[in-house]
């Protein structure tokens, strides 16, 4: 703590200092100011009834220019307080230099307090109790708002090596929905009267294959139904099952046709894939399989109604 506030140690005129004469600073009345060189901390702030025209922080001191006729000054410090309306011995004159020395307050040493004996304080035992959050009843839980229902019409294409098929997917959905997908190559194969051959051209029970003309016919169609689920954002997954058949027949030299059992398949068809919705458009990519033997990639581009 401090014993007293700061004070003015000395104020005097400097007759040999011509700083205010050779470099005059003029006030609003175009008159040269008086210069006060203040020796002390730079944290001091100053004010006079006629104002402060200019302040300059120099090495070891602060220069302030005040109008001619100034008779008093107020000095402030953020920690040491205020010295209000200090009066000069006489009004200050233009182009003259003065010195004001400020003394800082004297700091008094703090009294040393001897340590206390038996300063340990015992506190009662405390226990932390955990509170289990009770489940919120189902009737108080906020319900997720229902999405607006929309229809989806999506032409699709199936690709398998050098084969291509076309189809269409119709869907109805909110967050979850259902769809119907039809895919075909729009071809038919001649009748075989139930006769079959394997991939080597051998008929069941025969050791030698018949002669073939080299001509073959293929057909494919599939119909599936399933569900669509929006997972996050506009990203969806779909899966479905249905029935499909792929038929491959080879022609013999006699003009008859044999169904190739190794390259043909029919029965349960499954498909799965992803779908991305962008505003009114939708894109899909997935895979289909018929009987686990015939696989096809499916691509689609559609519009939401």
C-alpha atoms as a PDB file:
ATOM      1  CA  UNK A   1       0.000   0.000   0.000  1.00  0.00           C
ATOM      2  CA  UNK A   2       1.040   3.677  -0.402  1.00  0.00           C
ATOM      3  CA  UNK A   3       1.489   6.148   2.441  1.00  0.00           C
ATOM      4  CA  UNK A   4       0.307   9.188   0.440  1.00  0.00           C
ATOM      5  CA  UNK A   5      -0.605  10.383  -3.026  1.00  0.00           C
ATOM      6  CA  UNK A   6       1.897  11.790  -5.492  1.00  0.00           C
ATOM      7  CA  UNK A   7       2.821  15.465  -5.257  1.00  0.00           C
ATOM      8  CA  UNK A   8       4.515  18.296  -7.153  1.00  0.00           C
ATOM      9  CA  UNK A   9       8.119  18.371  -6.015  1.00  0.00           C
ATOM     10  CA  UNK A  10       9.182  21.474  -7.930  1.00  0.00           C
ATOM     11  CA  UNK A  11       7.975  23.952 -10.551  1.00  0.00           C
ATOM     12  CA  UNK A  12      10.265  26.544 -12.150  1.00  0.00           C
ATOM     13  CA  UNK A  13      10.933  28.598 -15.252  1.00  0.00           C
ATOM     14  CA  UNK A  14      13.821  27.459 -17.498  1.00  0.00           C
ATOM     15  CA  UNK A  15      15.299  30.693 -18.880  1.00  0.00           C
ATOM     16  CA  UNK A  16      18.053  28.942 -20.847  1.00  0.00           C
ATOM     17  CA  UNK A  17      15.681  26.458 -22.571  1.00  0.00           C
ATOM     18  CA  UNK A  18      14.592  27.811 -25.963  1.00  0.00           C
ATOM     19  CA  UNK A  19      12.618  24.717 -27.094  1.00  0.00           C
ATOM     20  CA  UNK A  20       9.331  26.637 -27.065  1.00  0.00           C
ATOM     21  CA  UNK A  21      10.908  29.578 -28.908  1.00  0.00           C
ATOM     22  CA  UNK A  22      12.615  27.904 -31.856  1.00  0.00           C
ATOM     23  CA  UNK A  23       9.850  25.312 -32.402  1.00  0.00           C
ATOM     24  CA  UNK A  24       6.650  27.080 -31.345  1.00  0.00           C
ATOM     25  CA  UNK A  25       3.275  25.339 -31.239  1.00  0.00           C
ATOM     26  CA  UNK A  26       0.293  27.625 -31.789  1.00  0.00           C
ATOM     27  CA  UNK A  27      -3.182  27.372 -30.283  1.00  0.00           C
ATOM     28  CA  UNK A  28      -6.550  28.001 -31.949  1.00  0.00           C
ATOM     29  CA  UNK A  29      -6.010  31.771 -31.664  1.00  0.00           C
ATOM     30  CA  UNK A  30      -2.755  31.444 -33.642  1.00  0.00           C
ATOM     31  CA  UNK A  31      -0.706  32.403 -30.581  1.00  0.00           C
ATOM     32  CA  UNK A  32       2.448  30.587 -29.523  1.00  0.00           C
ATOM     33  CA  UNK A  33       1.991  28.274 -26.546  1.00  0.00           C
ATOM     34  CA  UNK A  34       3.943  27.840 -23.346  1.00  0.00           C
ATOM     35  CA  UNK A  35       5.856  24.574 -22.924  1.00  0.00           C
ATOM     36  CA  UNK A  36       5.817  22.563 -19.677  1.00  0.00           C
ATOM     37  CA  UNK A  37       8.384  19.767 -19.392  1.00  0.00           C
ATOM     38  CA  UNK A  38       7.034  17.302 -16.833  1.00  0.00           C
ATOM     39  CA  UNK A  39       9.480  14.932 -15.162  1.00  0.00           C
ATOM     40  CA  UNK A  40       7.671  11.792 -13.978  1.00  0.00           C
ATOM     41  CA  UNK A  41       5.829   8.679 -15.086  1.00  0.00           C
ATOM     42  CA  UNK A  42       4.301   8.630 -18.563  1.00  0.00           C
ATOM     43  CA  UNK A  43       1.070   7.262 -17.085  1.00  0.00           C
ATOM     44  CA  UNK A  44       0.085  10.752 -15.919  1.00  0.00           C
ATOM     45  CA  UNK A  45      -2.748  12.566 -17.701  1.00  0.00           C
ATOM     46  CA  UNK A  46      -3.098  16.359 -17.723  1.00  0.00           C
ATOM     47  CA  UNK A  47      -5.815  18.941 -18.247  1.00  0.00           C
ATOM     48  CA  UNK A  48      -6.144  22.727 -17.870  1.00  0.00           C
ATOM     49  CA  UNK A  49      -9.100  25.119 -18.016  1.00  0.00           C
ATOM     50  CA  UNK A  50      -7.775  26.382 -21.380  1.00  0.00           C
ATOM     51  CA  UNK A  51      -7.014  22.871 -22.646  1.00  0.00           C
ATOM     52  CA  UNK A  52      -3.921  20.992 -23.789  1.00  0.00           C
ATOM     53  CA  UNK A  53      -2.815  21.936 -27.308  1.00  0.00           C
ATOM     54  CA  UNK A  54      -0.243  19.165 -27.803  1.00  0.00           C
ATOM     55  CA  UNK A  55       1.444  16.376 -25.844  1.00  0.00           C
ATOM     56  CA  UNK A  56       4.806  14.805 -26.686  1.00  0.00           C
ATOM     57  CA  UNK A  57       6.478  11.898 -24.866  1.00  0.00           C
ATOM     58  CA  UNK A  58      10.207  12.556 -24.759  1.00  0.00           C
ATOM     59  CA  UNK A  59      13.014  10.569 -23.124  1.00  0.00           C
ATOM     60  CA  UNK A  60      12.589  10.790 -19.336  1.00  0.00           C
ATOM     61  CA  UNK A  61       9.924  13.495 -19.496  1.00  0.00           C
ATOM     62  CA  UNK A  62       6.650  14.549 -21.062  1.00  0.00           C
ATOM     63  CA  UNK A  63       6.168  17.813 -22.980  1.00  0.00           C
ATOM     64  CA  UNK A  64       2.789  19.523 -22.978  1.00  0.00           C
ATOM     65  CA  UNK A  65       1.956  22.760 -24.799  1.00  0.00           C
ATOM     66  CA  UNK A  66      -0.680  24.952 -23.142  1.00  0.00           C
ATOM     67  CA  UNK A  67      -2.203  28.311 -24.188  1.00  0.00           C
ATOM     68  CA  UNK A  68      -0.772  31.590 -22.936  1.00  0.00           C
ATOM     69  CA  UNK A  69      -2.280  32.708 -19.626  1.00  0.00           C
ATOM     70  CA  UNK A  70      -2.749  29.194 -18.179  1.00  0.00           C
ATOM     71  CA  UNK A  71      -2.780  29.474 -14.370  1.00  0.00           C
ATOM     72  CA  UNK A  72      -3.509  25.936 -13.120  1.00  0.00           C
ATOM     73  CA  UNK A  73      -3.315  22.288 -14.106  1.00  0.00           C
ATOM     74  CA  UNK A  74      -4.992  19.031 -13.031  1.00  0.00           C
ATOM     75  CA  UNK A  75      -2.851  15.881 -12.907  1.00  0.00           C
ATOM     76  CA  UNK A  76      -4.291  12.325 -12.856  1.00  0.00           C
ATOM     77  CA  UNK A  77      -2.800   8.866 -12.475  1.00  0.00           C
ATOM     78  CA  UNK A  78      -4.651   5.527 -12.904  1.00  0.00           C
ATOM     79  CA  UNK A  79      -3.283   4.159  -9.585  1.00  0.00           C
ATOM     80  CA  UNK A  80      -2.158   7.121  -7.506  1.00  0.00           C
ATOM     81  CA  UNK A  81      -5.221   9.299  -7.778  1.00  0.00           C
ATOM     82  CA  UNK A  82      -5.790  12.938  -8.797  1.00  0.00           C
ATOM     83  CA  UNK A  83      -4.032  16.202  -7.976  1.00  0.00           C
ATOM     84  CA  UNK A  84      -6.677  18.738  -8.897  1.00  0.00           C
ATOM     85  CA  UNK A  85      -6.157  22.435  -9.798  1.00  0.00           C
ATOM     86  CA  UNK A  86      -2.479  22.847  -8.994  1.00  0.00           C
ATOM     87  CA  UNK A  87      -1.905  26.608  -9.328  1.00  0.00           C
ATOM     88  CA  UNK A  88       1.218  28.082 -10.925  1.00  0.00           C
ATOM     89  CA  UNK A  89       3.002  31.022  -9.245  1.00  0.00           C
ATOM     90  CA  UNK A  90       2.063  33.257 -12.204  1.00  0.00           C
ATOM     91  CA  UNK A  91       0.260  32.899 -15.556  1.00  0.00           C
ATOM     92  CA  UNK A  92       2.376  31.130 -18.166  1.00  0.00           C
ATOM     93  CA  UNK A  93       3.840  33.164 -21.034  1.00  0.00           C
ATOM     94  CA  UNK A  94       4.124  32.346 -24.728  1.00  0.00           C
ATOM     95  CA  UNK A  95       7.369  30.849 -26.086  1.00  0.00           C
ATOM     96  CA  UNK A  96       8.682  30.168 -22.544  1.00  0.00           C
ATOM     97  CA  UNK A  97       9.673  26.773 -21.151  1.00  0.00           C
ATOM     98  CA  UNK A  98       8.826  25.546 -17.644  1.00  0.00           C
ATOM     99  CA  UNK A  99       9.700  22.428 -15.655  1.00  0.00           C
ATOM    100  CA  UNK A 100       7.295  20.507 -13.413  1.00  0.00           C
ATOM    101  CA  UNK A 101       8.763  17.677 -11.309  1.00  0.00           C
ATOM    102  CA  UNK A 102       6.352  15.088  -9.893  1.00  0.00           C
ATOM    103  CA  UNK A 103       7.274  12.794  -7.014  1.00  0.00           C
ATOM    104  CA  UNK A 104       5.816   9.306  -6.791  1.00  0.00           C
ATOM    105  CA  UNK A 105       4.165   8.184  -3.535  1.00  0.00           C
ATOM    106  CA  UNK A 106       6.293   6.269  -1.065  1.00  0.00           C
ATOM    107  CA  UNK A 107       5.481   2.578  -0.828  1.00  0.00           C
ATOM    108  CA  UNK A 108       5.414   1.210   2.720  1.00  0.00           C
ATOM    109  CA  UNK A 109       6.535  -2.394   3.275  1.00  0.00           C
ATOM    110  CA  UNK A 110       3.865  -4.786   4.330  1.00  0.00           C
ATOM    111  CA  UNK A 111       3.959  -6.204   7.804  1.00  0.00           C
ATOM    112  CA  UNK A 112       5.074  -9.792   7.874  1.00  0.00           C
ATOM    113  CA  UNK A 113       2.526 -12.070   9.467  1.00  0.00           C
ATOM    114  CA  UNK A 114       4.034 -15.087  11.255  1.00  0.00           C
ATOM    115  CA  UNK A 115       2.669 -18.446  10.169  1.00  0.00           C
ATOM    116  CA  UNK A 116      -0.157 -19.839  12.246  1.00  0.00           C
ATOM    117  CA  UNK A 117       0.126 -23.151  13.956  1.00  0.00           C
ATOM    118  CA  UNK A 118      -2.356 -25.950  13.374  1.00  0.00           C
ATOM    119  CA  UNK A 119      -3.672 -24.342  10.204  1.00  0.00           C
ATOM    120  CA  UNK A 120      -4.894 -27.636   8.805  1.00  0.00           C
ATOM    121  CA  UNK A 121      -8.655 -27.654   8.499  1.00  0.00           C
ATOM    122  CA  UNK A 122     -10.511 -30.920   8.423  1.00  0.00           C
ATOM    123  CA  UNK A 123     -13.571 -31.139   6.240  1.00  0.00           C
ATOM    124  CA  UNK A 124     -16.375 -33.644   6.575  1.00  0.00           C
ATOM    125  CA  UNK A 125     -16.460 -36.511   4.130  1.00  0.00           C
ATOM    126  CA  UNK A 126     -18.335 -35.730   0.953  1.00  0.00           C
ATOM    127  CA  UNK A 127     -19.913 -38.217  -1.382  1.00  0.00           C
ATOM    128  CA  UNK A 128     -20.762 -37.788  -5.041  1.00  0.00           C
ATOM    129  CA  UNK A 129     -24.204 -39.058  -5.898  1.00  0.00           C
ATOM    130  CA  UNK A 130     -24.873 -39.952  -9.515  1.00  0.00           C
ATOM    131  CA  UNK A 131     -28.325 -39.246 -10.857  1.00  0.00           C
ATOM    132  CA  UNK A 132     -29.682 -41.551 -13.487  1.00  0.00           C
ATOM    133  CA  UNK A 133     -31.680 -39.813 -16.156  1.00  0.00           C
ATOM    134  CA  UNK A 134     -35.166 -41.167 -16.356  1.00  0.00           C
ATOM    135  CA  UNK A 135     -36.351 -42.283 -19.785  1.00  0.00           C
ATOM    136  CA  UNK A 136     -38.662 -39.903 -21.580  1.00  0.00           C
ATOM    137  CA  UNK A 137     -42.118 -41.422 -22.089  1.00  0.00           C
ATOM    138  CA  UNK A 138     -42.915 -42.272 -25.677  1.00  0.00           C
ATOM    139  CA  UNK A 139     -45.914 -39.941 -25.735  1.00  0.00           C
ATOM    140  CA  UNK A 140     -43.669 -36.975 -24.823  1.00  0.00           C
ATOM    141  CA  UNK A 141     -40.948 -37.616 -27.394  1.00  0.00           C
ATOM    142  CA  UNK A 142     -41.039 -35.233 -30.371  1.00  0.00           C
ATOM    143  CA  UNK A 143     -42.203 -36.939 -33.518  1.00  0.00           C
ATOM    144  CA  UNK A 144     -40.202 -36.725 -36.694  1.00  0.00           C
ATOM    145  CA  UNK A 145     -42.154 -34.742 -39.286  1.00  0.00           C
ATOM    146  CA  UNK A 146     -43.460 -36.795 -42.180  1.00  0.00           C
ATOM    147  CA  UNK A 147     -41.879 -36.220 -45.535  1.00  0.00           C
ATOM    148  CA  UNK A 148     -44.026 -35.291 -48.465  1.00  0.00           C
ATOM    149  CA  UNK A 149     -44.909 -38.325 -50.572  1.00  0.00           C
ATOM    150  CA  UNK A 150     -43.524 -38.403 -54.108  1.00  0.00           C
ATOM    151  CA  UNK A 151     -43.704 -40.653 -57.159  1.00  0.00           C
ATOM    152  CA  UNK A 152     -40.558 -41.651 -59.011  1.00  0.00           C
ATOM    153  CA  UNK A 153     -40.347 -42.703 -62.662  1.00  0.00           C
ATOM    154  CA  UNK A 154     -36.903 -43.992 -63.608  1.00  0.00           C
ATOM    155  CA  UNK A 155     -35.906 -45.579 -66.934  1.00  0.00           C
ATOM    156  CA  UNK A 156     -33.127 -48.113 -66.357  1.00  0.00           C
ATOM    157  CA  UNK A 157     -30.568 -50.073 -68.309  1.00  0.00           C
ATOM    158  CA  UNK A 158     -28.937 -53.430 -67.523  1.00  0.00           C
ATOM    159  CA  UNK A 159     -25.421 -54.342 -68.635  1.00  0.00           C
ATOM    160  CA  UNK A 160     -23.808 -57.790 -68.817  1.00  0.00           C
ATOM    161  CA  UNK A 161     -20.628 -58.059 -70.860  1.00  0.00           C
ATOM    162  CA  UNK A 162     -21.754 -57.203 -74.412  1.00  0.00           C
ATOM    163  CA  UNK A 163     -25.462 -57.577 -73.641  1.00  0.00           C
ATOM    164  CA  UNK A 164     -27.804 -54.727 -72.746  1.00  0.00           C
ATOM    165  CA  UNK A 165     -31.392 -54.604 -71.526  1.00  0.00           C
ATOM    166  CA  UNK A 166     -33.846 -51.807 -70.890  1.00  0.00           C
ATOM    167  CA  UNK A 167     -36.569 -51.280 -68.348  1.00  0.00           C
ATOM    168  CA  UNK A 168     -38.372 -48.929 -66.016  1.00  0.00           C
ATOM    169  CA  UNK A 169     -38.670 -48.495 -62.256  1.00  0.00           C
ATOM    170  CA  UNK A 170     -41.785 -47.032 -60.614  1.00  0.00           C
ATOM    171  CA  UNK A 171     -41.554 -46.001 -56.956  1.00  0.00           C
ATOM    172  CA  UNK A 172     -43.578 -44.262 -54.264  1.00  0.00           C
ATOM    173  CA  UNK A 173     -41.772 -42.998 -51.190  1.00  0.00           C
ATOM    174  CA  UNK A 174     -41.560 -40.667 -48.226  1.00  0.00           C
ATOM    175  CA  UNK A 175     -38.582 -41.477 -45.998  1.00  0.00           C
ATOM    176  CA  UNK A 176     -39.310 -45.114 -46.860  1.00  0.00           C
ATOM    177  CA  UNK A 177     -41.108 -46.362 -49.924  1.00  0.00           C
ATOM    178  CA  UNK A 178     -41.792 -49.229 -52.314  1.00  0.00           C
ATOM    179  CA  UNK A 179     -40.962 -49.813 -55.965  1.00  0.00           C
ATOM    180  CA  UNK A 180     -41.643 -52.096 -58.935  1.00  0.00           C
ATOM    181  CA  UNK A 181     -38.887 -52.763 -61.467  1.00  0.00           C
ATOM    182  CA  UNK A 182     -39.240 -54.454 -64.876  1.00  0.00           C
ATOM    183  CA  UNK A 183     -36.255 -55.215 -67.116  1.00  0.00           C
ATOM    184  CA  UNK A 184     -36.063 -57.048 -70.463  1.00  0.00           C
ATOM    185  CA  UNK A 185     -34.143 -57.291 -73.729  1.00  0.00           C
ATOM    186  CA  UNK A 186     -37.473 -57.563 -75.622  1.00  0.00           C
ATOM    187  CA  UNK A 187     -36.468 -60.781 -77.399  1.00  0.00           C
ATOM    188  CA  UNK A 188     -37.979 -64.268 -77.659  1.00  0.00           C
ATOM    189  CA  UNK A 189     -36.329 -67.620 -78.284  1.00  0.00           C
ATOM    190  CA  UNK A 190     -37.607 -70.478 -80.468  1.00  0.00           C
ATOM    191  CA  UNK A 191     -39.166 -73.513 -78.809  1.00  0.00           C
ATOM    192  CA  UNK A 192     -36.901 -76.412 -77.853  1.00  0.00           C
ATOM    193  CA  UNK A 193     -39.491 -79.127 -77.092  1.00  0.00           C
ATOM    194  CA  UNK A 194     -37.776 -79.605 -73.743  1.00  0.00           C
ATOM    195  CA  UNK A 195     -34.405 -80.576 -75.221  1.00  0.00           C
ATOM    196  CA  UNK A 196     -31.258 -79.263 -73.527  1.00  0.00           C
ATOM    197  CA  UNK A 197     -27.485 -79.342 -73.850  1.00  0.00           C
ATOM    198  CA  UNK A 198     -24.589 -78.261 -71.659  1.00  0.00           C
ATOM    199  CA  UNK A 199     -21.905 -75.667 -72.360  1.00  0.00           C
ATOM    200  CA  UNK A 200     -19.958 -78.281 -74.357  1.00  0.00           C
ATOM    201  CA  UNK A 201     -22.972 -78.983 -76.582  1.00  0.00           C
ATOM    202  CA  UNK A 202     -23.569 -82.498 -75.182  1.00  0.00           C
ATOM    203  CA  UNK A 203     -27.084 -83.773 -74.707  1.00  0.00           C
ATOM    204  CA  UNK A 204     -27.880 -85.699 -71.506  1.00  0.00           C
ATOM    205  CA  UNK A 205     -26.787 -89.342 -71.884  1.00  0.00           C
ATOM    206  CA  UNK A 206     -24.899 -88.756 -75.172  1.00  0.00           C
ATOM    207  CA  UNK A 207     -21.143 -88.945 -75.501  1.00  0.00           C
ATOM    208  CA  UNK A 208     -20.976 -87.118 -78.829  1.00  0.00           C
ATOM    209  CA  UNK A 209     -22.509 -83.687 -79.485  1.00  0.00           C
ATOM    210  CA  UNK A 210     -24.673 -83.006 -82.527  1.00  0.00           C
ATOM    211  CA  UNK A 211     -23.557 -80.660 -85.270  1.00  0.00           C
ATOM    212  CA  UNK A 212     -24.434 -77.006 -84.652  1.00  0.00           C
ATOM    213  CA  UNK A 213     -24.948 -74.246 -87.180  1.00  0.00           C
ATOM    214  CA  UNK A 214     -23.244 -71.658 -84.942  1.00  0.00           C
ATOM    215  CA  UNK A 215     -26.422 -69.625 -84.468  1.00  0.00           C
ATOM    216  CA  UNK A 216     -27.718 -68.879 -80.976  1.00  0.00           C
ATOM    217  CA  UNK A 217     -30.685 -66.941 -79.584  1.00  0.00           C
ATOM    218  CA  UNK A 218     -30.988 -65.219 -76.197  1.00  0.00           C
ATOM    219  CA  UNK A 219     -33.790 -63.686 -74.178  1.00  0.00           C
ATOM    220  CA  UNK A 220     -34.028 -62.103 -70.740  1.00  0.00           C
ATOM    221  CA  UNK A 221     -36.722 -60.593 -68.575  1.00  0.00           C
ATOM    222  CA  UNK A 222     -37.090 -59.918 -64.871  1.00  0.00           C
ATOM    223  CA  UNK A 223     -39.685 -58.384 -62.557  1.00  0.00           C
ATOM    224  CA  UNK A 224     -38.786 -57.338 -58.999  1.00  0.00           C
ATOM    225  CA  UNK A 225     -40.412 -55.418 -56.155  1.00  0.00           C
ATOM    226  CA  UNK A 226     -38.904 -54.054 -52.955  1.00  0.00           C
ATOM    227  CA  UNK A 227     -38.324 -51.106 -50.673  1.00  0.00           C
ATOM    228  CA  UNK A 228     -36.410 -47.809 -50.800  1.00  0.00           C
ATOM    229  CA  UNK A 229     -35.006 -46.165 -47.665  1.00  0.00           C
ATOM    230  CA  UNK A 230     -33.519 -42.681 -47.293  1.00  0.00           C
ATOM    231  CA  UNK A 231     -30.468 -43.137 -45.063  1.00  0.00           C
ATOM    232  CA  UNK A 232     -28.982 -39.649 -44.750  1.00  0.00           C
ATOM    233  CA  UNK A 233     -29.584 -36.474 -46.711  1.00  0.00           C
ATOM    234  CA  UNK A 234     -30.568 -37.443 -50.262  1.00  0.00           C
ATOM    235  CA  UNK A 235     -28.712 -40.772 -50.163  1.00  0.00           C
ATOM    236  CA  UNK A 236     -30.986 -43.846 -50.408  1.00  0.00           C
ATOM    237  CA  UNK A 237     -30.658 -47.627 -50.447  1.00  0.00           C
ATOM    238  CA  UNK A 238     -33.003 -50.056 -52.179  1.00  0.00           C
ATOM    239  CA  UNK A 239     -33.411 -53.834 -52.204  1.00  0.00           C
ATOM    240  CA  UNK A 240     -35.932 -56.185 -53.779  1.00  0.00           C
ATOM    241  CA  UNK A 241     -36.718 -59.700 -54.954  1.00  0.00           C
ATOM    242  CA  UNK A 242     -38.737 -61.134 -57.815  1.00  0.00           C
ATOM    243  CA  UNK A 243     -38.672 -63.602 -60.668  1.00  0.00           C
ATOM    244  CA  UNK A 244     -36.455 -63.657 -63.734  1.00  0.00           C
ATOM    245  CA  UNK A 245     -35.407 -65.897 -66.572  1.00  0.00           C
ATOM    246  CA  UNK A 246     -32.534 -65.907 -69.016  1.00  0.00           C
ATOM    247  CA  UNK A 247     -32.693 -68.323 -71.911  1.00  0.00           C
ATOM    248  CA  UNK A 248     -29.883 -69.245 -74.328  1.00  0.00           C
ATOM    249  CA  UNK A 249     -30.618 -71.689 -77.205  1.00  0.00           C
ATOM    250  CA  UNK A 250     -28.258 -73.184 -79.795  1.00  0.00           C
ATOM    251  CA  UNK A 251     -29.354 -74.218 -83.291  1.00  0.00           C
ATOM    252  CA  UNK A 252     -28.309 -77.574 -84.754  1.00  0.00           C
ATOM    253  CA  UNK A 253     -27.634 -78.341 -88.416  1.00  0.00           C
ATOM    254  CA  UNK A 254     -31.052 -79.977 -88.587  1.00  0.00           C
ATOM    255  CA  UNK A 255     -32.727 -76.645 -87.698  1.00  0.00           C
ATOM    256  CA  UNK A 256     -33.813 -77.640 -84.194  1.00  0.00           C
ATOM    257  CA  UNK A 257     -32.941 -75.653 -81.071  1.00  0.00           C
ATOM    258  CA  UNK A 258     -31.480 -76.866 -77.784  1.00  0.00           C
ATOM    259  CA  UNK A 259     -31.637 -74.918 -74.527  1.00  0.00           C
ATOM    260  CA  UNK A 260     -28.160 -74.472 -73.014  1.00  0.00           C
ATOM    261  CA  UNK A 261     -28.617 -75.327 -69.335  1.00  0.00           C
ATOM    262  CA  UNK A 262     -25.236 -73.905 -68.245  1.00  0.00           C
ATOM    263  CA  UNK A 263     -25.795 -70.463 -69.776  1.00  0.00           C
ATOM    264  CA  UNK A 264     -29.494 -70.247 -68.958  1.00  0.00           C
ATOM    265  CA  UNK A 265     -31.022 -69.544 -65.561  1.00  0.00           C
ATOM    266  CA  UNK A 266     -34.440 -68.868 -64.116  1.00  0.00           C
ATOM    267  CA  UNK A 267     -36.089 -68.504 -60.748  1.00  0.00           C
ATOM    268  CA  UNK A 268     -35.568 -66.163 -57.807  1.00  0.00           C
ATOM    269  CA  UNK A 269     -34.044 -62.800 -58.717  1.00  0.00           C
ATOM    270  CA  UNK A 270     -32.604 -60.384 -56.155  1.00  0.00           C
ATOM    271  CA  UNK A 271     -31.298 -56.857 -56.548  1.00  0.00           C
ATOM    272  CA  UNK A 272     -29.768 -54.147 -54.368  1.00  0.00           C
ATOM    273  CA  UNK A 273     -28.266 -50.738 -54.968  1.00  0.00           C
ATOM    274  CA  UNK A 274     -27.981 -47.085 -54.068  1.00  0.00           C
ATOM    275  CA  UNK A 275     -29.892 -44.015 -55.185  1.00  0.00           C
ATOM    276  CA  UNK A 276     -29.057 -40.315 -55.026  1.00  0.00           C
ATOM    277  CA  UNK A 277     -31.773 -37.669 -55.196  1.00  0.00           C
ATOM    278  CA  UNK A 278     -30.850 -34.200 -56.501  1.00  0.00           C
ATOM    279  CA  UNK A 279     -33.853 -31.887 -56.435  1.00  0.00           C
ATOM    280  CA  UNK A 280     -36.324 -33.421 -58.917  1.00  0.00           C
ATOM    281  CA  UNK A 281     -33.844 -35.883 -60.423  1.00  0.00           C
ATOM    282  CA  UNK A 282     -32.654 -39.254 -59.138  1.00  0.00           C
ATOM    283  CA  UNK A 283     -29.718 -41.483 -60.075  1.00  0.00           C
ATOM    284  CA  UNK A 284     -29.391 -45.185 -59.238  1.00  0.00           C
ATOM    285  CA  UNK A 285     -26.745 -47.889 -59.510  1.00  0.00           C
ATOM    286  CA  UNK A 286     -27.154 -51.503 -58.451  1.00  0.00           C
ATOM    287  CA  UNK A 287     -26.735 -55.165 -59.285  1.00  0.00           C
ATOM    288  CA  UNK A 288     -29.173 -58.000 -60.115  1.00  0.00           C
ATOM    289  CA  UNK A 289     -28.728 -61.751 -60.041  1.00  0.00           C
ATOM    290  CA  UNK A 290     -30.994 -64.520 -61.305  1.00  0.00           C
ATOM    291  CA  UNK A 291     -30.533 -67.831 -59.552  1.00  0.00           C
ATOM    292  CA  UNK A 292     -27.050 -66.746 -58.462  1.00  0.00           C
ATOM    293  CA  UNK A 293     -25.738 -67.699 -61.931  1.00  0.00           C
ATOM    294  CA  UNK A 294     -26.486 -64.673 -64.081  1.00  0.00           C
ATOM    295  CA  UNK A 295     -25.350 -61.233 -62.841  1.00  0.00           C
ATOM    296  CA  UNK A 296     -26.139 -57.842 -64.318  1.00  0.00           C
ATOM    297  CA  UNK A 297     -25.327 -54.232 -63.423  1.00  0.00           C
ATOM    298  CA  UNK A 298     -28.257 -51.810 -63.411  1.00  0.00           C
ATOM    299  CA  UNK A 299     -28.125 -48.021 -63.946  1.00  0.00           C
ATOM    300  CA  UNK A 300     -31.024 -45.583 -63.850  1.00  0.00           C
ATOM    301  CA  UNK A 301     -31.890 -41.916 -64.334  1.00  0.00           C
ATOM    302  CA  UNK A 302     -35.332 -40.674 -63.367  1.00  0.00           C
ATOM    303  CA  UNK A 303     -37.483 -37.784 -62.234  1.00  0.00           C
ATOM    304  CA  UNK A 304     -39.622 -37.223 -59.143  1.00  0.00           C
ATOM    305  CA  UNK A 305     -43.208 -36.106 -59.628  1.00  0.00           C
END
